Amino acid sequence: MTAPVTRAIATIPDDAWETIQYPDAIFDEDTERWISSAEVAEVPFTAFSSQKKAKQIPGRLVVRRIPELNKKE
């Protein structure tokens, strides 16, 4: 993940995350767990922001996270 993407994700407030349910559980091979829900959020994002203005692409960054794997202690 690039630094601009990481910074953009860090600006997403806690109340911006929307829960989504998967109709069928998905097996996450990295964690070796079944996942049946996640959260999504979006934030404005400009791709290629280090380039000249004409080459920058404004848009939105859509992020998915899995709450069970990101528990705050």
PDB file of N, CA and C in Angstrom:
ATOM      1  N   MET A   1       0.855  -1.165   0.000  1.00  0.00           N
ATOM      2  CA  MET A   1       0.000   0.000   0.000  1.00  0.00           C
ATOM      3  C   MET A   1       0.909   1.239   0.000  1.00  0.00           C
ATOM      4  N   THR A   2       0.562   2.229  -0.792  1.00  0.00           N
ATOM      5  CA  THR A   2       1.376   3.439  -0.873  1.00  0.00           C
ATOM      6  C   THR A   2       1.061   4.377   0.285  1.00  0.00           C
ATOM      7  N   ALA A   3       1.985   5.285   0.559  1.00  0.00           N
ATOM      8  CA  ALA A   3       1.792   6.244   1.651  1.00  0.00           C
ATOM      9  C   ALA A   3       0.540   7.109   1.451  1.00  0.00           C
ATOM     10  N   PRO A   4       0.258   7.618   0.237  1.00  0.00           N
ATOM     11  CA  PRO A   4      -0.964   8.412   0.068  1.00  0.00           C
ATOM     12  C   PRO A   4      -2.242   7.616   0.358  1.00  0.00           C
ATOM     13  N   VAL A   5      -2.252   6.345  -0.012  1.00  0.00           N
ATOM     14  CA  VAL A   5      -3.426   5.508   0.261  1.00  0.00           C
ATOM     15  C   VAL A   5      -3.569   5.295   1.766  1.00  0.00           C
ATOM     16  N   THR A   6      -2.470   5.003   2.435  1.00  0.00           N
ATOM     17  CA  THR A   6      -2.495   4.809   3.885  1.00  0.00           C
ATOM     18  C   THR A   6      -2.991   6.065   4.590  1.00  0.00           C
ATOM     19  N   ARG A   7      -2.513   7.229   4.158  1.00  0.00           N
ATOM     20  CA  ARG A   7      -2.960   8.496   4.766  1.00  0.00           C
ATOM     21  C   ARG A   7      -4.451   8.720   4.522  1.00  0.00           C
ATOM     22  N   ALA A   8      -4.919   8.417   3.318  1.00  0.00           N
ATOM     23  CA  ALA A   8      -6.340   8.598   3.003  1.00  0.00           C
ATOM     24  C   ALA A   8      -7.203   7.693   3.872  1.00  0.00           C
ATOM     25  N   ILE A   9      -6.797   6.447   4.042  1.00  0.00           N
ATOM     26  CA  ILE A   9      -7.559   5.508   4.874  1.00  0.00           C
ATOM     27  C   ILE A   9      -7.607   5.998   6.314  1.00  0.00           C
ATOM     28  N   ALA A  10      -6.515   6.571   6.799  1.00  0.00           N
ATOM     29  CA  ALA A  10      -6.455   7.062   8.180  1.00  0.00           C
ATOM     30  C   ALA A  10      -7.436   8.202   8.436  1.00  0.00           C
ATOM     31  N   THR A  11      -7.895   8.871   7.380  1.00  0.00           N
ATOM     32  CA  THR A  11      -8.840   9.984   7.562  1.00  0.00           C
ATOM     33  C   THR A  11     -10.292   9.527   7.656  1.00  0.00           C
ATOM     34  N   ILE A  12     -10.556   8.254   7.428  1.00  0.00           N
ATOM     35  CA  ILE A  12     -11.935   7.760   7.453  1.00  0.00           C
ATOM     36  C   ILE A  12     -12.414   7.695   8.900  1.00  0.00           C
ATOM     37  N   PRO A  13     -13.473   8.439   9.237  1.00  0.00           N
ATOM     38  CA  PRO A  13     -13.972   8.402  10.621  1.00  0.00           C
ATOM     39  C   PRO A  13     -14.657   7.069  10.937  1.00  0.00           C
ATOM     40  N   ASP A  14     -14.682   6.709  12.208  1.00  0.00           N
ATOM     41  CA  ASP A  14     -15.282   5.438  12.631  1.00  0.00           C
ATOM     42  C   ASP A  14     -16.738   5.301  12.200  1.00  0.00           C
ATOM     43  N   ASP A  15     -17.484   6.405  12.185  1.00  0.00           N
ATOM     44  CA  ASP A  15     -18.910   6.315  11.843  1.00  0.00           C
ATOM     45  C   ASP A  15     -19.169   6.255  10.335  1.00  0.00           C
ATOM     46  N   ALA A  16     -18.121   6.292   9.528  1.00  0.00           N
ATOM     47  CA  ALA A  16     -18.287   6.219   8.069  1.00  0.00           C
ATOM     48  C   ALA A  16     -18.347   4.780   7.558  1.00  0.00           C
ATOM     49  N   TRP A  17     -17.966   3.828   8.388  1.00  0.00           N
ATOM     50  CA  TRP A  17     -17.918   2.424   7.967  1.00  0.00           C
ATOM     51  C   TRP A  17     -19.313   1.821   7.981  1.00  0.00           C
ATOM     52  N   GLU A  18     -19.689   1.178   6.872  1.00  0.00           N
ATOM     53  CA  GLU A  18     -20.991   0.512   6.731  1.00  0.00           C
ATOM     54  C   GLU A  18     -20.779  -0.996   6.718  1.00  0.00           C
ATOM     55  N   THR A  19     -21.570  -1.704   7.516  1.00  0.00           N
ATOM     56  CA  THR A  19     -21.464  -3.156   7.564  1.00  0.00           C
ATOM     57  C   THR A  19     -22.125  -3.770   6.339  1.00  0.00           C
ATOM     58  N   ILE A  20     -21.459  -4.748   5.752  1.00  0.00           N
ATOM     59  CA  ILE A  20     -22.041  -5.522   4.653  1.00  0.00           C
ATOM     60  C   ILE A  20     -21.997  -6.993   5.049  1.00  0.00           C
ATOM     61  N   GLN A  21     -22.967  -7.740   4.589  1.00  0.00           N
ATOM     62  CA  GLN A  21     -23.026  -9.178   4.861  1.00  0.00           C
ATOM     63  C   GLN A  21     -22.826  -9.925   3.545  1.00  0.00           C
ATOM     64  N   TYR A  22     -22.034 -10.961   3.577  1.00  0.00           N
ATOM     65  CA  TYR A  22     -21.868 -11.817   2.416  1.00  0.00           C
ATOM     66  C   TYR A  22     -22.957 -12.887   2.449  1.00  0.00           C
ATOM     67  N   PRO A  23     -23.637 -13.144   1.334  1.00  0.00           N
ATOM     68  CA  PRO A  23     -24.676 -14.174   1.330  1.00  0.00           C
ATOM     69  C   PRO A  23     -24.111 -15.560   1.624  1.00  0.00           C
ATOM     70  N   ASP A  24     -22.887 -15.795   1.235  1.00  0.00           N
ATOM     71  CA  ASP A  24     -22.186 -17.047   1.532  1.00  0.00           C
ATOM     72  C   ASP A  24     -20.844 -16.671   2.149  1.00  0.00           C
ATOM     73  N   ALA A  25     -20.448 -17.388   3.168  1.00  0.00           N
ATOM     74  CA  ALA A  25     -19.161 -17.103   3.804  1.00  0.00           C
ATOM     75  C   ALA A  25     -18.024 -17.304   2.801  1.00  0.00           C
ATOM     76  N   ILE A  26     -16.958 -16.535   3.005  1.00  0.00           N
ATOM     77  CA  ILE A  26     -15.779 -16.591   2.145  1.00  0.00           C
ATOM     78  C   ILE A  26     -14.609 -17.078   2.996  1.00  0.00           C
ATOM     79  N   PHE A  27     -13.857 -18.034   2.485  1.00  0.00           N
ATOM     80  CA  PHE A  27     -12.706 -18.538   3.231  1.00  0.00           C
ATOM     81  C   PHE A  27     -11.496 -17.670   2.932  1.00  0.00           C
ATOM     82  N   ASP A  28     -10.928 -17.051   3.968  1.00  0.00           N
ATOM     83  CA  ASP A  28      -9.732 -16.223   3.836  1.00  0.00           C
ATOM     84  C   ASP A  28      -8.514 -17.122   4.047  1.00  0.00           C
ATOM     85  N   GLU A  29      -7.792 -17.383   2.972  1.00  0.00           N
ATOM     86  CA  GLU A  29      -6.660 -18.308   3.054  1.00  0.00           C
ATOM     87  C   GLU A  29      -5.514 -17.755   3.891  1.00  0.00           C
ATOM     88  N   ASP A  30      -5.372 -16.424   3.932  1.00  0.00           N
ATOM     89  CA  ASP A  30      -4.293 -15.832   4.732  1.00  0.00           C
ATOM     90  C   ASP A  30      -4.491 -16.093   6.221  1.00  0.00           C
ATOM     91  N   THR A  31      -5.731 -15.968   6.684  1.00  0.00           N
ATOM     92  CA  THR A  31      -6.012 -16.150   8.115  1.00  0.00           C
ATOM     93  C   THR A  31      -6.581 -17.525   8.432  1.00  0.00           C
ATOM     94  N   GLU A  32      -6.910 -18.260   7.379  1.00  0.00           N
ATOM     95  CA  GLU A  32      -7.520 -19.587   7.521  1.00  0.00           C
ATOM     96  C   GLU A  32      -8.803 -19.523   8.349  1.00  0.00           C
ATOM     97  N   ARG A  33      -9.644 -18.515   8.021  1.00  0.00           N
ATOM     98  CA  ARG A  33     -10.917 -18.325   8.720  1.00  0.00           C
ATOM     99  C   ARG A  33     -12.018 -18.063   7.703  1.00  0.00           C
ATOM    100  N   TRP A  34     -13.250 -18.397   8.102  1.00  0.00           N
ATOM    101  CA  TRP A  34     -14.415 -18.078   7.290  1.00  0.00           C
ATOM    102  C   TRP A  34     -14.877 -16.673   7.651  1.00  0.00           C
ATOM    103  N   ILE A  35     -15.151 -15.867   6.635  1.00  0.00           N
ATOM    104  CA  ILE A  35     -15.580 -14.484   6.824  1.00  0.00           C
ATOM    105  C   ILE A  35     -16.981 -14.339   6.245  1.00  0.00           C
ATOM    106  N   SER A  36     -17.912 -13.800   7.039  1.00  0.00           N
ATOM    107  CA  SER A  36     -19.278 -13.625   6.538  1.00  0.00           C
ATOM    108  C   SER A  36     -19.730 -12.172   6.573  1.00  0.00           C
ATOM    109  N   SER A  37     -18.908 -11.278   7.123  1.00  0.00           N
ATOM    110  CA  SER A  37     -19.263  -9.863   7.111  1.00  0.00           C
ATOM    111  C   SER A  37     -17.994  -9.022   7.010  1.00  0.00           C
ATOM    112  N   ALA A  38     -18.191  -7.792   6.600  1.00  0.00           N
ATOM    113  CA  ALA A  38     -17.082  -6.847   6.475  1.00  0.00           C
ATOM    114  C   ALA A  38     -17.660  -5.446   6.613  1.00  0.00           C
ATOM    115  N   GLU A  39     -16.809  -4.461   6.541  1.00  0.00           N
ATOM    116  CA  GLU A  39     -17.239  -3.068   6.548  1.00  0.00           C
ATOM    117  C   GLU A  39     -16.582  -2.370   5.368  1.00  0.00           C
ATOM    118  N   VAL A  40     -17.310  -1.430   4.781  1.00  0.00           N
ATOM    119  CA  VAL A  40     -16.771  -0.648   3.674  1.00  0.00           C
ATOM    120  C   VAL A  40     -16.953   0.833   3.965  1.00  0.00           C
ATOM    121  N   ALA A  41     -16.056   1.623   3.406  1.00  0.00           N
ATOM    122  CA  ALA A  41     -16.140   3.080   3.512  1.00  0.00           C
ATOM    123  C   ALA A  41     -15.457   3.654   2.279  1.00  0.00           C
ATOM    124  N   GLU A  42     -15.749   4.909   2.027  1.00  0.00           N
ATOM    125  CA  GLU A  42     -15.089   5.568   0.901  1.00  0.00           C
ATOM    126  C   GLU A  42     -14.611   6.941   1.330  1.00  0.00           C
ATOM    127  N   VAL A  43     -13.611   7.411   0.635  1.00  0.00           N
ATOM    128  CA  VAL A  43     -13.016   8.706   0.931  1.00  0.00           C
ATOM    129  C   VAL A  43     -12.552   9.315  -0.397  1.00  0.00           C
ATOM    130  N   PRO A  44     -12.664  10.642  -0.551  1.00  0.00           N
ATOM    131  CA  PRO A  44     -12.136  11.262  -1.769  1.00  0.00           C
ATOM    132  C   PRO A  44     -10.635  10.975  -1.886  1.00  0.00           C
ATOM    133  N   PHE A  45     -10.189  10.753  -3.105  1.00  0.00           N
ATOM    134  CA  PHE A  45      -8.779  10.404  -3.307  1.00  0.00           C
ATOM    135  C   PHE A  45      -8.347  10.857  -4.693  1.00  0.00           C
ATOM    136  N   THR A  46      -7.159  11.424  -4.771  1.00  0.00           N
ATOM    137  CA  THR A  46      -6.590  11.815  -6.059  1.00  0.00           C
ATOM    138  C   THR A  46      -5.419  10.897  -6.370  1.00  0.00           C
ATOM    139  N   ALA A  47      -5.571  10.122  -7.427  1.00  0.00           N
ATOM    140  CA  ALA A  47      -4.500   9.218  -7.851  1.00  0.00           C
ATOM    141  C   ALA A  47      -3.421  10.011  -8.582  1.00  0.00           C
ATOM    142  N   PHE A  48      -2.213   9.563  -8.463  1.00  0.00           N
ATOM    143  CA  PHE A  48      -1.057  10.187  -9.113  1.00  0.00           C
ATOM    144  C   PHE A  48      -0.869  11.634  -8.668  1.00  0.00           C
ATOM    145  N   SER A  49      -1.101  11.899  -7.392  1.00  0.00           N
ATOM    146  CA  SER A  49      -1.028  13.269  -6.874  1.00  0.00           C
ATOM    147  C   SER A  49       0.384  13.854  -6.921  1.00  0.00           C
ATOM    148  N   SER A  50       1.390  13.034  -7.083  1.00  0.00           N
ATOM    149  CA  SER A  50       2.762  13.550  -7.181  1.00  0.00           C
ATOM    150  C   SER A  50       3.100  13.995  -8.604  1.00  0.00           C
ATOM    151  N   GLN A  51       2.202  13.733  -9.541  1.00  0.00           N
ATOM    152  CA  GLN A  51       2.419  14.103 -10.941  1.00  0.00           C
ATOM    153  C   GLN A  51       1.907  15.522 -11.200  1.00  0.00           C
ATOM    154  N   LYS A  52       2.170  16.010 -12.411  1.00  0.00           N
ATOM    155  CA  LYS A  52       1.629  17.310 -12.807  1.00  0.00           C
ATOM    156  C   LYS A  52       0.113  17.256 -12.738  1.00  0.00           C
ATOM    157  N   LYS A  53      -0.505  18.395 -12.503  1.00  0.00           N
ATOM    158  CA  LYS A  53      -1.958  18.488 -12.322  1.00  0.00           C
ATOM    159  C   LYS A  53      -2.725  17.794 -13.453  1.00  0.00           C
ATOM    160  N   ALA A  54      -2.265  17.917 -14.675  1.00  0.00           N
ATOM    161  CA  ALA A  54      -2.961  17.328 -15.826  1.00  0.00           C
ATOM    162  C   ALA A  54      -2.989  15.801 -15.771  1.00  0.00           C
ATOM    163  N   LYS A  55      -2.065  15.195 -15.039  1.00  0.00           N
ATOM    164  CA  LYS A  55      -2.001  13.735 -14.966  1.00  0.00           C
ATOM    165  C   LYS A  55      -2.659  13.171 -13.707  1.00  0.00           C
ATOM    166  N   GLN A  56      -3.105  14.043 -12.815  1.00  0.00           N
ATOM    167  CA  GLN A  56      -3.768  13.587 -11.597  1.00  0.00           C
ATOM    168  C   GLN A  56      -5.200  13.176 -11.912  1.00  0.00           C
ATOM    169  N   ILE A  57      -5.679  12.167 -11.209  1.00  0.00           N
ATOM    170  CA  ILE A  57      -7.030  11.659 -11.455  1.00  0.00           C
ATOM    171  C   ILE A  57      -7.825  11.697 -10.152  1.00  0.00           C
ATOM    172  N   PRO A  58      -8.778  12.646 -10.042  1.00  0.00           N
ATOM    173  CA  PRO A  58      -9.600  12.692  -8.827  1.00  0.00           C
ATOM    174  C   PRO A  58     -10.660  11.592  -8.854  1.00  0.00           C
ATOM    175  N   GLY A  59     -10.968  11.091  -7.702  1.00  0.00           N
ATOM    176  CA  GLY A  59     -11.984  10.044  -7.612  1.00  0.00           C
ATOM    177  C   GLY A  59     -12.281   9.728  -6.166  1.00  0.00           C
ATOM    178  N   ARG A  60     -12.546   8.472  -5.899  1.00  0.00           N
ATOM    179  CA  ARG A  60     -12.810   8.046  -4.530  1.00  0.00           C
ATOM    180  C   ARG A  60     -12.092   6.729  -4.295  1.00  0.00           C
ATOM    181  N   LEU A  61     -11.709   6.535  -3.069  1.00  0.00           N
ATOM    182  CA  LEU A  61     -11.051   5.305  -2.661  1.00  0.00           C
ATOM    183  C   LEU A  61     -12.052   4.519  -1.825  1.00  0.00           C
ATOM    184  N   VAL A  62     -12.385   3.319  -2.252  1.00  0.00           N
ATOM    185  CA  VAL A  62     -13.321   2.461  -1.523  1.00  0.00           C
ATOM    186  C   VAL A  62     -12.488   1.407  -0.800  1.00  0.00           C
ATOM    187  N   VAL A  63     -12.721   1.301   0.502  1.00  0.00           N
ATOM    188  CA  VAL A  63     -11.912   0.435   1.352  1.00  0.00           C
ATOM    189  C   VAL A  63     -12.806  -0.592   2.029  1.00  0.00           C
ATOM    190  N   ARG A  64     -12.311  -1.815   2.118  1.00  0.00           N
ATOM    191  CA  ARG A  64     -13.030  -2.878   2.839  1.00  0.00           C
ATOM    192  C   ARG A  64     -12.158  -3.333   3.993  1.00  0.00           C
ATOM    193  N   ARG A  65     -12.783  -3.514   5.151  1.00  0.00           N
ATOM    194  CA  ARG A  65     -12.054  -4.069   6.286  1.00  0.00           C
ATOM    195  C   ARG A  65     -12.889  -5.165   6.926  1.00  0.00           C
ATOM    196  N   ILE A  66     -12.217  -6.052   7.624  1.00  0.00           N
ATOM    197  CA  ILE A  66     -12.885  -7.161   8.296  1.00  0.00           C
ATOM    198  C   ILE A  66     -12.763  -6.923   9.797  1.00  0.00           C
ATOM    199  N   PRO A  67     -13.866  -6.509  10.450  1.00  0.00           N
ATOM    200  CA  PRO A  67     -13.799  -6.133  11.867  1.00  0.00           C
ATOM    201  C   PRO A  67     -13.216  -7.213  12.772  1.00  0.00           C
ATOM    202  N   GLU A  68     -13.535  -8.480  12.519  1.00  0.00           N
ATOM    203  CA  GLU A  68     -13.027  -9.549  13.383  1.00  0.00           C
ATOM    204  C   GLU A  68     -11.502  -9.598  13.382  1.00  0.00           C
ATOM    205  N   LEU A  69     -10.896  -9.141  12.309  1.00  0.00           N
ATOM    206  CA  LEU A  69      -9.439  -9.199  12.200  1.00  0.00           C
ATOM    207  C   LEU A  69      -8.771  -7.905  12.638  1.00  0.00           C
ATOM    208  N   ASN A  70      -9.559  -6.856  12.876  1.00  0.00           N
ATOM    209  CA  ASN A  70      -9.016  -5.543  13.236  1.00  0.00           C
ATOM    210  C   ASN A  70      -9.556  -5.067  14.578  1.00  0.00           C
ATOM    211  N   LYS A  71      -9.675  -5.956  15.532  1.00  0.00           N
ATOM    212  CA  LYS A  71     -10.258  -5.587  16.823  1.00  0.00           C
ATOM    213  C   LYS A  71      -9.371  -4.591  17.553  1.00  0.00           C
ATOM    214  N   LYS A  72     -10.033  -3.554  18.111  1.00  0.00           N
ATOM    215  CA  LYS A  72      -9.330  -2.573  18.932  1.00  0.00           C
ATOM    216  C   LYS A  72      -9.373  -3.055  20.373  1.00  0.00           C
ATOM    217  N   GLU A  73      -8.259  -2.948  21.035  1.00  0.00           N
ATOM    218  CA  GLU A  73      -8.207  -3.425  22.422  1.00  0.00           C
ATOM    219  C   GLU A  73      -8.267  -2.281  23.387  1.00  0.00           C
TER     220      GLU A  73
END
